[in-house]
C-alpha atoms as a PDB file:
ATOM      1  CA  UNK A   1      60.012 -18.370 -58.658  1.00  0.00           C
ATOM      2  CA  UNK A   2      56.809 -16.373 -58.128  1.00  0.00           C
ATOM      3  CA  UNK A   3      56.580 -12.692 -59.029  1.00  0.00           C
ATOM      4  CA  UNK A   4      53.631 -10.618 -57.832  1.00  0.00           C
ATOM      5  CA  UNK A   5      52.589  -7.303 -59.339  1.00  0.00           C
ATOM      6  CA  UNK A   6      49.622  -4.964 -59.450  1.00  0.00           C
ATOM      7  CA  UNK A   7      49.666  -3.530 -55.962  1.00  0.00           C
ATOM      8  CA  UNK A   8      49.368   0.163 -55.242  1.00  0.00           C
ATOM      9  CA  UNK A   9      47.368   2.901 -53.593  1.00  0.00           C
ATOM     10  CA  UNK A  10      43.619   2.902 -54.170  1.00  0.00           C
ATOM     11  CA  UNK A  11      40.706   4.741 -52.609  1.00  0.00           C
ATOM     12  CA  UNK A  12      38.035   2.892 -50.634  1.00  0.00           C
ATOM     13  CA  UNK A  13      35.540   1.357 -53.017  1.00  0.00           C
ATOM     14  CA  UNK A  14      38.140   1.074 -55.743  1.00  0.00           C
ATOM     15  CA  UNK A  15      39.520  -1.961 -57.553  1.00  0.00           C
ATOM     16  CA  UNK A  16      42.866  -3.575 -58.222  1.00  0.00           C
ATOM     17  CA  UNK A  17      43.975  -6.733 -59.976  1.00  0.00           C
ATOM     18  CA  UNK A  18      46.991  -8.551 -58.618  1.00  0.00           C
ATOM     19  CA  UNK A  19      49.032 -10.834 -60.864  1.00  0.00           C
ATOM     20  CA  UNK A  20      51.399 -13.617 -59.884  1.00  0.00           C
ATOM     21  CA  UNK A  21      53.563 -15.151 -62.582  1.00  0.00           C
ATOM     22  CA  UNK A  22      55.603 -18.311 -62.137  1.00  0.00           C
ATOM     23  CA  UNK A  23      58.895 -17.824 -63.977  1.00  0.00           C
ATOM     24  CA  UNK A  24      60.989 -20.891 -63.212  1.00  0.00           C
ATOM     25  CA  UNK A  25      59.373 -23.200 -65.727  1.00  0.00           C
ATOM     26  CA  UNK A  26      57.604 -25.616 -63.389  1.00  0.00           C
ATOM     27  CA  UNK A  27      54.497 -27.447 -64.567  1.00  0.00           C
ATOM     28  CA  UNK A  28      52.150 -24.741 -63.339  1.00  0.00           C
ATOM     29  CA  UNK A  29      49.052 -26.869 -63.741  1.00  0.00           C
ATOM     30  CA  UNK A  30      50.405 -29.219 -61.057  1.00  0.00           C
ATOM     31  CA  UNK A  31      50.191 -26.521 -58.403  1.00  0.00           C
ATOM     32  CA  UNK A  32      47.310 -25.310 -56.262  1.00  0.00           C
ATOM     33  CA  UNK A  33      47.644 -21.538 -56.207  1.00  0.00           C
ATOM     34  CA  UNK A  34      46.704 -19.177 -53.413  1.00  0.00           C
ATOM     35  CA  UNK A  35      46.848 -15.613 -52.219  1.00  0.00           C
ATOM     36  CA  UNK A  36      47.658 -14.581 -48.660  1.00  0.00           C
ATOM     37  CA  UNK A  37      48.065 -11.187 -47.051  1.00  0.00           C
ATOM     38  CA  UNK A  38      49.828  -9.680 -44.088  1.00  0.00           C
ATOM     39  CA  UNK A  39      48.765  -6.380 -42.583  1.00  0.00           C
ATOM     40  CA  UNK A  40      51.181  -4.334 -40.453  1.00  0.00           C
ATOM     41  CA  UNK A  41      51.599  -5.956 -37.071  1.00  0.00           C
ATOM     42  CA  UNK A  42      49.421  -8.915 -38.038  1.00  0.00           C
ATOM     43  CA  UNK A  43      49.953 -12.553 -38.897  1.00  0.00           C
ATOM     44  CA  UNK A  44      49.875 -13.652 -42.511  1.00  0.00           C
ATOM     45  CA  UNK A  45      46.365 -14.800 -43.369  1.00  0.00           C
ATOM     46  CA  UNK A  46      44.715 -16.822 -46.111  1.00  0.00           C
ATOM     47  CA  UNK A  47      42.769 -14.853 -48.719  1.00  0.00           C
ATOM     48  CA  UNK A  48      41.885 -17.163 -51.604  1.00  0.00           C
ATOM     49  CA  UNK A  49      42.835 -20.433 -53.289  1.00  0.00           C
ATOM     50  CA  UNK A  50      42.192 -22.018 -56.669  1.00  0.00           C
ATOM     51  CA  UNK A  51      42.521 -25.663 -57.645  1.00  0.00           C
ATOM     52  CA  UNK A  52      44.646 -26.819 -60.580  1.00  0.00           C
ATOM     53  CA  UNK A  53      41.652 -26.963 -62.917  1.00  0.00           C
ATOM     54  CA  UNK A  54      40.001 -23.815 -61.517  1.00  0.00           C
ATOM     55  CA  UNK A  55      37.073 -25.998 -60.464  1.00  0.00           C
ATOM     56  CA  UNK A  56      37.365 -25.283 -56.744  1.00  0.00           C
ATOM     57  CA  UNK A  57      37.653 -21.748 -55.380  1.00  0.00           C
ATOM     58  CA  UNK A  58      37.959 -20.873 -51.714  1.00  0.00           C
ATOM     59  CA  UNK A  59      37.862 -17.479 -50.046  1.00  0.00           C
ATOM     60  CA  UNK A  60      38.160 -16.138 -46.559  1.00  0.00           C
ATOM     61  CA  UNK A  61      34.825 -14.771 -45.387  1.00  0.00           C
ATOM     62  CA  UNK A  62      35.913 -11.133 -45.344  1.00  0.00           C
ATOM     63  CA  UNK A  63      36.548 -11.043 -49.116  1.00  0.00           C
ATOM     64  CA  UNK A  64      33.686 -13.204 -50.395  1.00  0.00           C
ATOM     65  CA  UNK A  65      31.676 -11.332 -53.004  1.00  0.00           C
ATOM     66  CA  UNK A  66      34.435  -8.761 -53.492  1.00  0.00           C
ATOM     67  CA  UNK A  67      37.532 -10.725 -54.580  1.00  0.00           C
ATOM     68  CA  UNK A  68      37.846 -13.232 -57.415  1.00  0.00           C
ATOM     69  CA  UNK A  69      40.759 -15.593 -57.919  1.00  0.00           C
ATOM     70  CA  UNK A  70      41.498 -17.019 -61.355  1.00  0.00           C
ATOM     71  CA  UNK A  71      44.370 -18.657 -63.215  1.00  0.00           C
ATOM     72  CA  UNK A  72      45.722 -19.124 -66.703  1.00  0.00           C
ATOM     73  CA  UNK A  73      47.797 -22.296 -66.798  1.00  0.00           C
ATOM     74  CA  UNK A  74      49.071 -21.527 -70.290  1.00  0.00           C
ATOM     75  CA  UNK A  75      50.602 -18.306 -68.956  1.00  0.00           C
ATOM     76  CA  UNK A  76      51.646 -19.777 -65.577  1.00  0.00           C
ATOM     77  CA  UNK A  77      49.789 -16.932 -63.942  1.00  0.00           C
ATOM     78  CA  UNK A  78      47.251 -16.510 -61.161  1.00  0.00           C
ATOM     79  CA  UNK A  79      45.172 -13.393 -60.634  1.00  0.00           C
ATOM     80  CA  UNK A  80      43.298 -11.774 -57.788  1.00  0.00           C
ATOM     81  CA  UNK A  81      40.617  -9.309 -58.855  1.00  0.00           C
ATOM     82  CA  UNK A  82      39.774  -7.101 -55.887  1.00  0.00           C
ATOM     83  CA  UNK A  83      36.663  -4.926 -55.959  1.00  0.00           C
ATOM     84  CA  UNK A  84      35.028  -2.630 -53.406  1.00  0.00           C
ATOM     85  CA  UNK A  85      38.295  -2.389 -51.510  1.00  0.00           C
ATOM     86  CA  UNK A  86      38.219  -1.373 -47.872  1.00  0.00           C
ATOM     87  CA  UNK A  87      40.901   0.159 -45.645  1.00  0.00           C
ATOM     88  CA  UNK A  88      41.113  -3.160 -43.793  1.00  0.00           C
ATOM     89  CA  UNK A  89      42.276  -4.788 -47.033  1.00  0.00           C
ATOM     90  CA  UNK A  90      45.535  -2.853 -46.718  1.00  0.00           C
ATOM     91  CA  UNK A  91      48.354  -5.407 -46.573  1.00  0.00           C
ATOM     92  CA  UNK A  92      51.219  -6.995 -48.412  1.00  0.00           C
ATOM     93  CA  UNK A  93      49.706  -9.665 -50.663  1.00  0.00           C
ATOM     94  CA  UNK A  94      51.657 -12.855 -51.284  1.00  0.00           C
ATOM     95  CA  UNK A  95      51.254 -15.543 -53.899  1.00  0.00           C
ATOM     96  CA  UNK A  96      51.696 -19.187 -52.856  1.00  0.00           C
ATOM     97  CA  UNK A  97      52.203 -22.296 -55.004  1.00  0.00           C
ATOM     98  CA  UNK A  98      51.389 -25.643 -53.377  1.00  0.00           C
ATOM     99  CA  UNK A  99      52.368 -28.772 -55.303  1.00  0.00           C
ATOM    100  CA  UNK A 100      50.002 -31.681 -55.671  1.00  0.00           C
ATOM    101  CA  UNK A 101      51.178 -34.594 -53.546  1.00  0.00           C
ATOM    102  CA  UNK A 102      54.382 -34.029 -51.591  1.00  0.00           C
ATOM    103  CA  UNK A 103      56.634 -30.999 -51.696  1.00  0.00           C
ATOM    104  CA  UNK A 104      57.067 -27.586 -50.129  1.00  0.00           C
ATOM    105  CA  UNK A 105      55.080 -24.463 -50.785  1.00  0.00           C
ATOM    106  CA  UNK A 106      56.750 -21.683 -52.746  1.00  0.00           C
ATOM    107  CA  UNK A 107      56.108 -18.022 -52.001  1.00  0.00           C
ATOM    108  CA  UNK A 108      56.543 -14.760 -53.807  1.00  0.00           C
ATOM    109  CA  UNK A 109      58.028 -11.641 -52.231  1.00  0.00           C
ATOM    110  CA  UNK A 110      54.688  -9.837 -52.078  1.00  0.00           C
ATOM    111  CA  UNK A 111      53.080  -6.692 -53.435  1.00  0.00           C
ATOM    112  CA  UNK A 112      51.742  -3.879 -51.253  1.00  0.00           C
ATOM    113  CA  UNK A 113      48.098  -2.841 -51.448  1.00  0.00           C
ATOM    114  CA  UNK A 114      47.122   0.337 -49.638  1.00  0.00           C
ATOM    115  CA  UNK A 115      43.472   1.354 -49.413  1.00  0.00           C
ATOM    116  CA  UNK A 116      43.160   4.925 -48.234  1.00  0.00           C
ATOM    117  CA  UNK A 117      41.466   8.186 -49.079  1.00  0.00           C
END
């Protein structure tokens, strides 16, 4: 069970930090964690991903240099620090947990980020 928080309304150039907490008691460190987003009328798209040890980070090109993904396995939590936000970052942001090996992805219900003046 993934619970996202931290969304809201922010002006262009502003910052937000999204949080995703896993609350069902799984072994969090066995999951590759990611953030996706879906803008109105658009397909859901990949934003960022972090490996189980935080060694490997991946970002979509449009957020490189502005967003930072991180995780705290002891707290079963993944974060997305978003800086220099742009109106085109407006979307519902979803957290995804992908197990190592076999198994299905788990998704949160999303948190809305609106970037507008």
